[in-house]
Structures are given as structure tokens and as C-alpha cells.
Amino acid sequence: AACQGDTRSTRHLVPIPSATMAMMASKGMSPNDP
């Protein structure tokens, strides 16, 4: 009911940025980790 609109889009499917993926890899982390 709040903080929302009715503009359907695919922005919620945008991938994790490559720089953050590289940061995760450098720290031994995975996108799958909790």
C-alpha cells in the first residue's frame, strides 16, 4: 500500500553489477550465499 506504484517493469531483474561480483569473488563470496 505504500512506497509503490503500478509501473510494471523488469528493473527487479537487473543483475548484480560486475564490480560487486568481482568484489565478492575477491572475498571468496558467492551470489548464492545468504
PDB file of all heavy atoms in Angstrom:
ATOM      1  N   ALA A   1       0.805  -1.211   0.000  1.00  0.00           N
ATOM      2  CA  ALA A   1       0.000   0.000   0.000  1.00  0.00           C
ATOM      3  C   ALA A   1       0.842   1.268   0.000  1.00  0.00           C
ATOM      4  O   ALA A   1       0.347   2.326  -0.326  1.00  0.00           O
ATOM      5  CB  ALA A   1      -0.922   0.001   1.214  1.00  0.00           C
ATOM      6  N   ALA A   2       2.098   1.184   0.412  1.00  0.00           N
ATOM      7  CA  ALA A   2       2.960   2.365   0.456  1.00  0.00           C
ATOM      8  C   ALA A   2       4.223   2.094  -0.328  1.00  0.00           C
ATOM      9  O   ALA A   2       4.586   0.960  -0.566  1.00  0.00           O
ATOM     10  CB  ALA A   2       3.308   2.709   1.901  1.00  0.00           C
ATOM     11  N   CYS A   3       4.916   3.187  -0.721  1.00  0.00           N
ATOM     12  CA  CYS A   3       6.190   3.084  -1.439  1.00  0.00           C
ATOM     13  C   CYS A   3       6.030   2.235  -2.703  1.00  0.00           C
ATOM     14  O   CYS A   3       6.920   1.450  -3.022  1.00  0.00           O
ATOM     15  CB  CYS A   3       7.279   2.494  -0.545  1.00  0.00           C
ATOM     16  SG  CYS A   3       7.644   3.498   0.897  1.00  0.00           S
ATOM     17  N   GLN A   4       4.938   2.367  -3.410  1.00  0.00           N
ATOM     18  CA  GLN A   4       4.762   1.538  -4.590  1.00  0.00           C
ATOM     19  C   GLN A   4       3.978   2.287  -5.649  1.00  0.00           C
ATOM     20  O   GLN A   4       3.309   3.258  -5.397  1.00  0.00           O
ATOM     21  CB  GLN A   4       4.028   0.232  -4.271  1.00  0.00           C
ATOM     22  CG  GLN A   4       2.553   0.419  -3.981  1.00  0.00           C
ATOM     23  CD  GLN A   4       1.841  -0.920  -3.940  1.00  0.00           C
ATOM     24  OE1 GLN A   4       2.465  -1.946  -3.741  1.00  0.00           O
ATOM     25  NE2 GLN A   4       0.550  -0.904  -4.132  1.00  0.00           N
ATOM     26  N   GLY A   5       4.046   1.794  -6.853  1.00  0.00           N
ATOM     27  CA  GLY A   5       3.252   2.315  -7.954  1.00  0.00           C
ATOM     28  C   GLY A   5       2.748   1.144  -8.749  1.00  0.00           C
ATOM     29  O   GLY A   5       2.838  -0.003  -8.333  1.00  0.00           O
ATOM     30  N   ASP A   6       2.236   1.448  -9.926  1.00  0.00           N
ATOM     31  CA  ASP A   6       1.682   0.387 -10.750  1.00  0.00           C
ATOM     32  C   ASP A   6       2.448   0.282 -12.059  1.00  0.00           C
ATOM     33  O   ASP A   6       1.915  -0.121 -13.083  1.00  0.00           O
ATOM     34  CB  ASP A   6       0.204   0.646 -11.011  1.00  0.00           C
ATOM     35  CG  ASP A   6      -0.514  -0.597 -11.510  1.00  0.00           C
ATOM     36  OD1 ASP A   6      -0.040  -1.703 -11.199  1.00  0.00           O
ATOM     37  OD2 ASP A   6      -1.526  -0.442 -12.220  1.00  0.00           O
ATOM     38  N   THR A   7       3.710   0.718 -12.033  1.00  0.00           N
ATOM     39  CA  THR A   7       4.523   0.704 -13.242  1.00  0.00           C
ATOM     40  C   THR A   7       5.298  -0.600 -13.302  1.00  0.00           C
ATOM     41  O   THR A   7       6.371  -0.729 -12.735  1.00  0.00           O
ATOM     42  CB  THR A   7       5.501   1.896 -13.234  1.00  0.00           C
ATOM     43  OG1 THR A   7       6.251   1.861 -12.004  1.00  0.00           O
ATOM     44  CG2 THR A   7       4.733   3.216 -13.300  1.00  0.00           C
ATOM     45  N   ARG A   8       4.747  -1.575 -14.004  1.00  0.00           N
ATOM     46  CA  ARG A   8       5.401  -2.878 -14.118  1.00  0.00           C
ATOM     47  C   ARG A   8       6.651  -2.748 -14.970  1.00  0.00           C
ATOM     48  O   ARG A   8       6.649  -2.126 -16.016  1.00  0.00           O
ATOM     49  CB  ARG A   8       4.441  -3.886 -14.738  1.00  0.00           C
ATOM     50  CG  ARG A   8       3.124  -4.016 -13.993  1.00  0.00           C
ATOM     51  CD  ARG A   8       3.298  -4.800 -12.709  1.00  0.00           C
ATOM     52  NE  ARG A   8       2.101  -4.720 -11.879  1.00  0.00           N
ATOM     53  CZ  ARG A   8       1.939  -5.403 -10.762  1.00  0.00           C
ATOM     54  NH1 ARG A   8       2.883  -6.212 -10.329  1.00  0.00           N
ATOM     55  NH2 ARG A   8       0.841  -5.277 -10.042  1.00  0.00           N
ATOM     56  N   SER A   9       7.735  -3.355 -14.536  1.00  0.00           N
ATOM     57  CA  SER A   9       8.990  -3.288 -15.275  1.00  0.00           C
ATOM     58  C   SER A   9       9.815  -4.517 -14.945  1.00  0.00           C
ATOM     59  O   SER A   9       9.397  -5.387 -14.187  1.00  0.00           O
ATOM     60  CB  SER A   9       9.763  -2.016 -14.896  1.00  0.00           C
ATOM     61  OG  SER A   9      10.326  -2.154 -13.604  1.00  0.00           O
ATOM     62  N   THR A  10      10.989  -4.567 -15.524  1.00  0.00           N
ATOM     63  CA  THR A  10      11.920  -5.671 -15.247  1.00  0.00           C
ATOM     64  C   THR A  10      13.114  -5.185 -14.443  1.00  0.00           C
ATOM     65  O   THR A  10      14.126  -5.877 -14.368  1.00  0.00           O
ATOM     66  CB  THR A  10      12.404  -6.299 -16.563  1.00  0.00           C
ATOM     67  OG1 THR A  10      13.057  -5.285 -17.360  1.00  0.00           O
ATOM     68  CG2 THR A  10      11.245  -6.888 -17.348  1.00  0.00           C
ATOM     69  N   ARG A  11      13.008  -4.008 -13.829  1.00  0.00           N
ATOM     70  CA  ARG A  11      14.169  -3.478 -13.105  1.00  0.00           C
ATOM     71  C   ARG A  11      14.555  -4.344 -11.917  1.00  0.00           C
ATOM     72  O   ARG A  11      15.700  -4.300 -11.469  1.00  0.00           O
ATOM     73  CB  ARG A  11      13.927  -2.035 -12.664  1.00  0.00           C
ATOM     74  CG  ARG A  11      12.692  -1.807 -11.805  1.00  0.00           C
ATOM     75  CD  ARG A  11      12.585  -0.336 -11.412  1.00  0.00           C
ATOM     76  NE  ARG A  11      11.347  -0.053 -10.703  1.00  0.00           N
ATOM     77  CZ  ARG A  11      10.301   0.581 -11.228  1.00  0.00           C
ATOM     78  NH1 ARG A  11      10.348   0.975 -12.498  1.00  0.00           N
ATOM     79  NH2 ARG A  11       9.218   0.826 -10.518  1.00  0.00           N
ATOM     80  N   HIS A  12      13.597  -5.132 -11.401  1.00  0.00           N
ATOM     81  CA  HIS A  12      13.910  -6.021 -10.279  1.00  0.00           C
ATOM     82  C   HIS A  12      14.741  -7.219 -10.730  1.00  0.00           C
ATOM     83  O   HIS A  12      15.204  -7.990  -9.892  1.00  0.00           O
ATOM     84  CB  HIS A  12      12.629  -6.496  -9.608  1.00  0.00           C
ATOM     85  CG  HIS A  12      11.724  -7.277 -10.490  1.00  0.00           C
ATOM     86  ND1 HIS A  12      11.089  -6.725 -11.581  1.00  0.00           N
ATOM     87  CD2 HIS A  12      11.343  -8.573 -10.453  1.00  0.00           C
ATOM     88  CE1 HIS A  12      10.355  -7.639 -12.173  1.00  0.00           C
ATOM     89  NE2 HIS A  12      10.491  -8.769 -11.512  1.00  0.00           N
ATOM     90  N   LEU A  13      14.944  -7.376 -12.042  1.00  0.00           N
ATOM     91  CA  LEU A  13      15.740  -8.487 -12.566  1.00  0.00           C
ATOM     92  C   LEU A  13      17.126  -8.050 -13.033  1.00  0.00           C
ATOM     93  O   LEU A  13      17.878  -8.856 -13.581  1.00  0.00           O
ATOM     94  CB  LEU A  13      15.000  -9.145 -13.749  1.00  0.00           C
ATOM     95  CG  LEU A  13      13.615  -9.714 -13.417  1.00  0.00           C
ATOM     96  CD1 LEU A  13      12.969 -10.270 -14.671  1.00  0.00           C
ATOM     97  CD2 LEU A  13      13.709 -10.772 -12.338  1.00  0.00           C
ATOM     98  N   VAL A  14      17.474  -6.784 -12.809  1.00  0.00           N
ATOM     99  CA  VAL A  14      18.801  -6.290 -13.198  1.00  0.00           C
ATOM    100  C   VAL A  14      19.867  -7.091 -12.457  1.00  0.00           C
ATOM    101  O   VAL A  14      19.762  -7.308 -11.246  1.00  0.00           O
ATOM    102  CB  VAL A  14      18.922  -4.787 -12.874  1.00  0.00           C
ATOM    103  CG1 VAL A  14      20.350  -4.296 -13.063  1.00  0.00           C
ATOM    104  CG2 VAL A  14      17.959  -3.986 -13.729  1.00  0.00           C
ATOM    105  N   PRO A  15      20.908  -7.557 -13.158  1.00  0.00           N
ATOM    106  CA  PRO A  15      21.928  -8.381 -12.491  1.00  0.00           C
ATOM    107  C   PRO A  15      22.780  -7.593 -11.510  1.00  0.00           C
ATOM    108  O   PRO A  15      22.834  -6.355 -11.550  1.00  0.00           O
ATOM    109  CB  PRO A  15      22.771  -8.891 -13.662  1.00  0.00           C
ATOM    110  CG  PRO A  15      22.578  -7.893 -14.746  1.00  0.00           C
ATOM    111  CD  PRO A  15      21.160  -7.403 -14.607  1.00  0.00           C
ATOM    112  N   ILE A  16      23.430  -8.303 -10.621  1.00  0.00           N
ATOM    113  CA  ILE A  16      24.398  -7.686  -9.710  1.00  0.00           C
ATOM    114  C   ILE A  16      25.507  -7.059 -10.543  1.00  0.00           C
ATOM    115  O   ILE A  16      26.032  -7.690 -11.476  1.00  0.00           O
ATOM    116  CB  ILE A  16      24.981  -8.734  -8.756  1.00  0.00           C
ATOM    117  CG1 ILE A  16      23.873  -9.353  -7.897  1.00  0.00           C
ATOM    118  CG2 ILE A  16      26.063  -8.115  -7.857  1.00  0.00           C
ATOM    119  CD1 ILE A  16      24.329 -10.545  -7.069  1.00  0.00           C
ATOM    120  N   PRO A  17      25.890  -5.814 -10.292  1.00  0.00           N
ATOM    121  CA  PRO A  17      26.939  -5.162 -11.091  1.00  0.00           C
ATOM    122  C   PRO A  17      28.234  -5.971 -11.113  1.00  0.00           C
ATOM    123  O   PRO A  17      28.590  -6.639 -10.130  1.00  0.00           O
ATOM    124  CB  PRO A  17      27.136  -3.819 -10.389  1.00  0.00           C
ATOM    125  CG  PRO A  17      25.832  -3.557  -9.705  1.00  0.00           C
ATOM    126  CD  PRO A  17      25.336  -4.902  -9.270  1.00  0.00           C
ATOM    127  N   SER A  18      28.943  -5.878 -12.221  1.00  0.00           N
ATOM    128  CA  SER A  18      30.172  -6.656 -12.391  1.00  0.00           C
ATOM    129  C   SER A  18      31.219  -6.301 -11.340  1.00  0.00           C
ATOM    130  O   SER A  18      31.962  -7.169 -10.871  1.00  0.00           O
ATOM    131  CB  SER A  18      30.738  -6.438 -13.797  1.00  0.00           C
ATOM    132  OG  SER A  18      30.972  -5.055 -14.034  1.00  0.00           O
ATOM    133  N   ALA A  19      31.274  -5.019 -10.950  1.00  0.00           N
ATOM    134  CA  ALA A  19      32.269  -4.620  -9.942  1.00  0.00           C
ATOM    135  C   ALA A  19      31.976  -5.292  -8.603  1.00  0.00           C
ATOM    136  O   ALA A  19      32.899  -5.714  -7.888  1.00  0.00           O
ATOM    137  CB  ALA A  19      32.267  -3.105  -9.779  1.00  0.00           C
ATOM    138  N   THR A  20      30.701  -5.422  -8.251  1.00  0.00           N
ATOM    139  CA  THR A  20      30.334  -6.086  -6.999  1.00  0.00           C
ATOM    140  C   THR A  20      30.556  -7.588  -7.109  1.00  0.00           C
ATOM    141  O   THR A  20      30.964  -8.234  -6.129  1.00  0.00           O
ATOM    142  CB  THR A  20      28.877  -5.773  -6.643  1.00  0.00           C
ATOM    143  OG1 THR A  20      28.725  -4.345  -6.537  1.00  0.00           O
ATOM    144  CG2 THR A  20      28.481  -6.415  -5.312  1.00  0.00           C
ATOM    145  N   MET A  21      30.313  -8.156  -8.282  1.00  0.00           N
ATOM    146  CA  MET A  21      30.611  -9.571  -8.493  1.00  0.00           C
ATOM    147  C   MET A  21      32.101  -9.831  -8.301  1.00  0.00           C
ATOM    148  O   MET A  21      32.497 -10.824  -7.672  1.00  0.00           O
ATOM    149  CB  MET A  21      30.167  -9.997  -9.893  1.00  0.00           C
ATOM    150  CG  MET A  21      28.662 -10.036 -10.098  1.00  0.00           C
ATOM    151  SD  MET A  21      27.874 -11.373  -9.175  1.00  0.00           S
ATOM    152  CE  MET A  21      28.459 -12.795 -10.101  1.00  0.00           C
ATOM    153  N   ALA A  22      32.928  -8.928  -8.836  1.00  0.00           N
ATOM    154  CA  ALA A  22      34.377  -9.079  -8.686  1.00  0.00           C
ATOM    155  C   ALA A  22      34.782  -8.933  -7.218  1.00  0.00           C
ATOM    156  O   ALA A  22      35.667  -9.648  -6.730  1.00  0.00           O
ATOM    157  CB  ALA A  22      35.101  -8.046  -9.544  1.00  0.00           C
ATOM    158  N   MET A  23      34.133  -8.014  -6.490  1.00  0.00           N
ATOM    159  CA  MET A  23      34.427  -7.840  -5.075  1.00  0.00           C
ATOM    160  C   MET A  23      34.081  -9.105  -4.297  1.00  0.00           C
ATOM    161  O   MET A  23      34.843  -9.548  -3.429  1.00  0.00           O
ATOM    162  CB  MET A  23      33.645  -6.647  -4.519  1.00  0.00           C
ATOM    163  CG  MET A  23      33.894  -6.364  -3.051  1.00  0.00           C
ATOM    164  SD  MET A  23      32.926  -4.966  -2.443  1.00  0.00           S
ATOM    165  CE  MET A  23      33.661  -3.621  -3.362  1.00  0.00           C
ATOM    166  N   MET A  24      32.933  -9.703  -4.626  1.00  0.00           N
ATOM    167  CA  MET A  24      32.545 -10.949  -3.966  1.00  0.00           C
ATOM    168  C   MET A  24      33.574 -12.039  -4.231  1.00  0.00           C
ATOM    169  O   MET A  24      33.990 -12.767  -3.323  1.00  0.00           O
ATOM    170  CB  MET A  24      31.161 -11.398  -4.454  1.00  0.00           C
ATOM    171  CG  MET A  24      30.019 -10.797  -3.697  1.00  0.00           C
ATOM    172  SD  MET A  24      28.441 -11.625  -4.039  1.00  0.00           S
ATOM    173  CE  MET A  24      28.062 -10.916  -5.626  1.00  0.00           C
ATOM    174  N   ALA A  25      33.989 -12.162  -5.480  1.00  0.00           N
ATOM    175  CA  ALA A  25      34.956 -13.199  -5.841  1.00  0.00           C
ATOM    176  C   ALA A  25      36.264 -12.997  -5.079  1.00  0.00           C
ATOM    177  O   ALA A  25      36.878 -13.960  -4.608  1.00  0.00           O
ATOM    178  CB  ALA A  25      35.196 -13.186  -7.343  1.00  0.00           C
ATOM    179  N   SER A  26      36.692 -11.740  -4.938  1.00  0.00           N
ATOM    180  CA  SER A  26      37.950 -11.455  -4.240  1.00  0.00           C
ATOM    181  C   SER A  26      37.873 -11.803  -2.757  1.00  0.00           C
ATOM    182  O   SER A  26      38.890 -12.041  -2.119  1.00  0.00           O
ATOM    183  CB  SER A  26      38.326  -9.985  -4.409  1.00  0.00           C
ATOM    184  OG  SER A  26      37.442  -9.144  -3.681  1.00  0.00           O
ATOM    185  N   LYS A  27      36.643 -11.832  -2.204  1.00  0.00           N
ATOM    186  CA  LYS A  27      36.446 -12.154  -0.794  1.00  0.00           C
ATOM    187  C   LYS A  27      35.985 -13.588  -0.589  1.00  0.00           C
ATOM    188  O   LYS A  27      35.615 -13.966   0.527  1.00  0.00           O
ATOM    189  CB  LYS A  27      35.427 -11.185  -0.186  1.00  0.00           C
ATOM    190  CG  LYS A  27      35.895  -9.729  -0.178  1.00  0.00           C
ATOM    191  CD  LYS A  27      34.876  -8.823   0.520  1.00  0.00           C
ATOM    192  CE  LYS A  27      35.404  -7.391   0.595  1.00  0.00           C
ATOM    193  NZ  LYS A  27      34.510  -6.506   1.379  1.00  0.00           N
ATOM    194  N   GLY A  28      35.996 -14.369  -1.660  1.00  0.00           N
ATOM    195  CA  GLY A  28      35.580 -15.761  -1.553  1.00  0.00           C
ATOM    196  C   GLY A  28      34.090 -15.929  -1.340  1.00  0.00           C
ATOM    197  O   GLY A  28      33.647 -16.922  -0.758  1.00  0.00           O
ATOM    198  N   MET A  29      33.301 -14.963  -1.819  1.00  0.00           N
ATOM    199  CA  MET A  29      31.855 -14.995  -1.640  1.00  0.00           C
ATOM    200  C   MET A  29      31.163 -15.356  -2.951  1.00  0.00           C
ATOM    201  O   MET A  29      31.747 -15.241  -4.030  1.00  0.00           O
ATOM    202  CB  MET A  29      31.340 -13.625  -1.155  1.00  0.00           C
ATOM    203  CG  MET A  29      31.921 -13.167   0.160  1.00  0.00           C
ATOM    204  SD  MET A  29      31.411 -11.472   0.543  1.00  0.00           S
ATOM    205  CE  MET A  29      32.190 -11.219   2.135  1.00  0.00           C
ATOM    206  N   SER A  30      29.907 -15.752  -2.828  1.00  0.00           N
ATOM    207  CA  SER A  30      29.109 -16.137  -3.993  1.00  0.00           C
ATOM    208  C   SER A  30      27.766 -15.423  -3.941  1.00  0.00           C
ATOM    209  O   SER A  30      27.243 -15.152  -2.846  1.00  0.00           O
ATOM    210  CB  SER A  30      28.884 -17.652  -3.998  1.00  0.00           C
ATOM    211  OG  SER A  30      27.805 -18.013  -4.847  1.00  0.00           O
ATOM    212  N   PRO A  31      27.157 -15.117  -5.090  1.00  0.00           N
ATOM    213  CA  PRO A  31      25.806 -14.540  -5.087  1.00  0.00           C
ATOM    214  C   PRO A  31      24.794 -15.432  -4.387  1.00  0.00           C
ATOM    215  O   PRO A  31      23.760 -14.957  -3.915  1.00  0.00           O
ATOM    216  CB  PRO A  31      25.475 -14.395  -6.577  1.00  0.00           C
ATOM    217  CG  PRO A  31      26.792 -14.357  -7.268  1.00  0.00           C
ATOM    218  CD  PRO A  31      27.699 -15.247  -6.465  1.00  0.00           C
ATOM    219  N   ASN A  32      25.077 -16.742  -4.320  1.00  0.00           N
ATOM    220  CA  ASN A  32      24.155 -17.685  -3.691  1.00  0.00           C
ATOM    221  C   ASN A  32      24.187 -17.637  -2.166  1.00  0.00           C
ATOM    222  O   ASN A  32      23.272 -18.136  -1.508  1.00  0.00           O
ATOM    223  CB  ASN A  32      24.479 -19.116  -4.128  1.00  0.00           C
ATOM    224  CG  ASN A  32      24.433 -19.286  -5.633  1.00  0.00           C
ATOM    225  OD1 ASN A  32      23.729 -18.552  -6.322  1.00  0.00           O
ATOM    226  ND2 ASN A  32      25.164 -20.246  -6.145  1.00  0.00           N
ATOM    227  N   ASP A  33      25.245 -17.059  -1.587  1.00  0.00           N
ATOM    228  CA  ASP A  33      25.390 -17.050  -0.135  1.00  0.00           C
ATOM    229  C   ASP A  33      24.311 -16.206   0.530  1.00  0.00           C
ATOM    230  O   ASP A  33      23.929 -15.147   0.016  1.00  0.00           O
ATOM    231  CB  ASP A  33      26.768 -16.497   0.260  1.00  0.00           C
ATOM    232  CG  ASP A  33      27.912 -17.363  -0.224  1.00  0.00           C
ATOM    233  OD1 ASP A  33      27.696 -18.571  -0.398  1.00  0.00           O
ATOM    234  OD2 ASP A  33      29.016 -16.822  -0.427  1.00  0.00           O
ATOM    235  N   PRO A  34      23.819 -16.622   1.699  1.00  0.00           N
ATOM    236  CA  PRO A  34      22.833 -15.824   2.444  1.00  0.00           C
ATOM    237  C   PRO A  34      23.401 -14.451   2.817  1.00  0.00           C
ATOM    238  O   PRO A  34      24.615 -14.257   2.921  1.00  0.00           O
ATOM    239  CB  PRO A  34      22.571 -16.672   3.692  1.00  0.00           C
ATOM    240  CG  PRO A  34      22.913 -18.067   3.282  1.00  0.00           C
ATOM    241  CD  PRO A  34      24.072 -17.929   2.347  1.00  0.00           C
TER     242      PRO A  34
END
